[in-house]
Amino acid sequence: MTTNEVARAVQVSPSTLCRWRQSGEGPRVTWLSPFIPRYRQEDVDARLKKAAA
């Protein structure tokens, strides 16, 4: 998933998701290149479940 897709799914702005990446708070990210972060659906779902607990 792209940054924008994840931001829409968790209802935050892309900049919030970027801050989460930098602080290690958000879903696990995989870097395709230094400028292309991608997220697995499973990792996003796990983050949502953790936030809801």
Protein backbone atom coordinates (compact mmCIF):
# COMPACT_ATOMS: atom_id res chain seq x y z
CA MET A 1 0.00 0.00 0.00
CA THR A 2 1.16 3.53 -0.64
CA THR A 3 1.43 6.26 1.98
CA ASN A 4 -1.76 7.90 0.72
CA GLU A 5 -3.69 4.62 0.77
CA VAL A 6 -2.63 3.89 4.35
CA ALA A 7 -3.35 7.45 5.47
CA ARG A 8 -6.90 7.17 4.10
CA ALA A 9 -7.37 3.72 5.68
CA VAL A 10 -6.37 4.89 9.15
CA GLN A 11 -7.91 8.36 8.70
CA VAL A 12 -4.81 10.44 9.27
CA SER A 13 -2.91 12.81 7.00
CA PRO A 14 0.08 11.56 5.00
CA SER A 15 2.29 13.87 7.08
CA THR A 16 1.09 12.17 10.28
CA LEU A 17 1.95 8.81 8.77
CA CYS A 18 5.40 10.18 7.89
CA ARG A 19 5.93 11.28 11.52
CA TRP A 20 4.86 7.83 12.68
CA ARG A 21 7.42 6.25 10.32
CA GLN A 22 10.15 8.47 11.70
CA SER A 23 9.30 7.70 15.30
CA GLY A 24 8.60 3.99 14.75
CA GLU A 25 4.97 4.29 15.87
CA GLY A 26 3.09 3.42 12.70
CA PRO A 27 2.65 0.24 10.71
CA ARG A 28 5.79 -1.57 9.59
CA VAL A 29 7.16 -0.07 6.40
CA THR A 30 9.20 -1.59 3.58
CA TRP A 31 11.34 0.73 1.50
CA LEU A 32 11.42 -0.05 -2.23
CA SER A 33 13.96 2.75 -2.64
CA PRO A 34 15.06 5.63 -0.40
CA PHE A 35 11.96 7.57 -1.50
CA ILE A 36 9.31 4.86 -1.94
CA PRO A 37 7.81 3.46 1.27
CA ARG A 38 5.25 0.68 1.00
CA TYR A 39 3.05 -1.04 3.57
CA ARG A 40 1.57 -4.53 3.67
CA GLN A 41 -2.16 -4.75 4.34
CA GLU A 42 -1.48 -7.19 7.18
CA ASP A 43 0.80 -4.69 8.94
CA VAL A 44 -1.76 -1.90 8.60
CA ASP A 45 -4.50 -4.16 9.99
CA ALA A 46 -2.27 -5.16 12.92
CA ARG A 47 -1.60 -1.48 13.69
CA LEU A 48 -5.33 -0.74 13.67
CA LYS A 49 -6.03 -3.64 16.02
CA LYS A 50 -3.26 -2.50 18.38
CA ALA A 51 -4.61 1.07 18.41
CA ALA A 52 -8.12 -0.16 19.17
CA ALA A 53 -6.99 -2.22 22.17
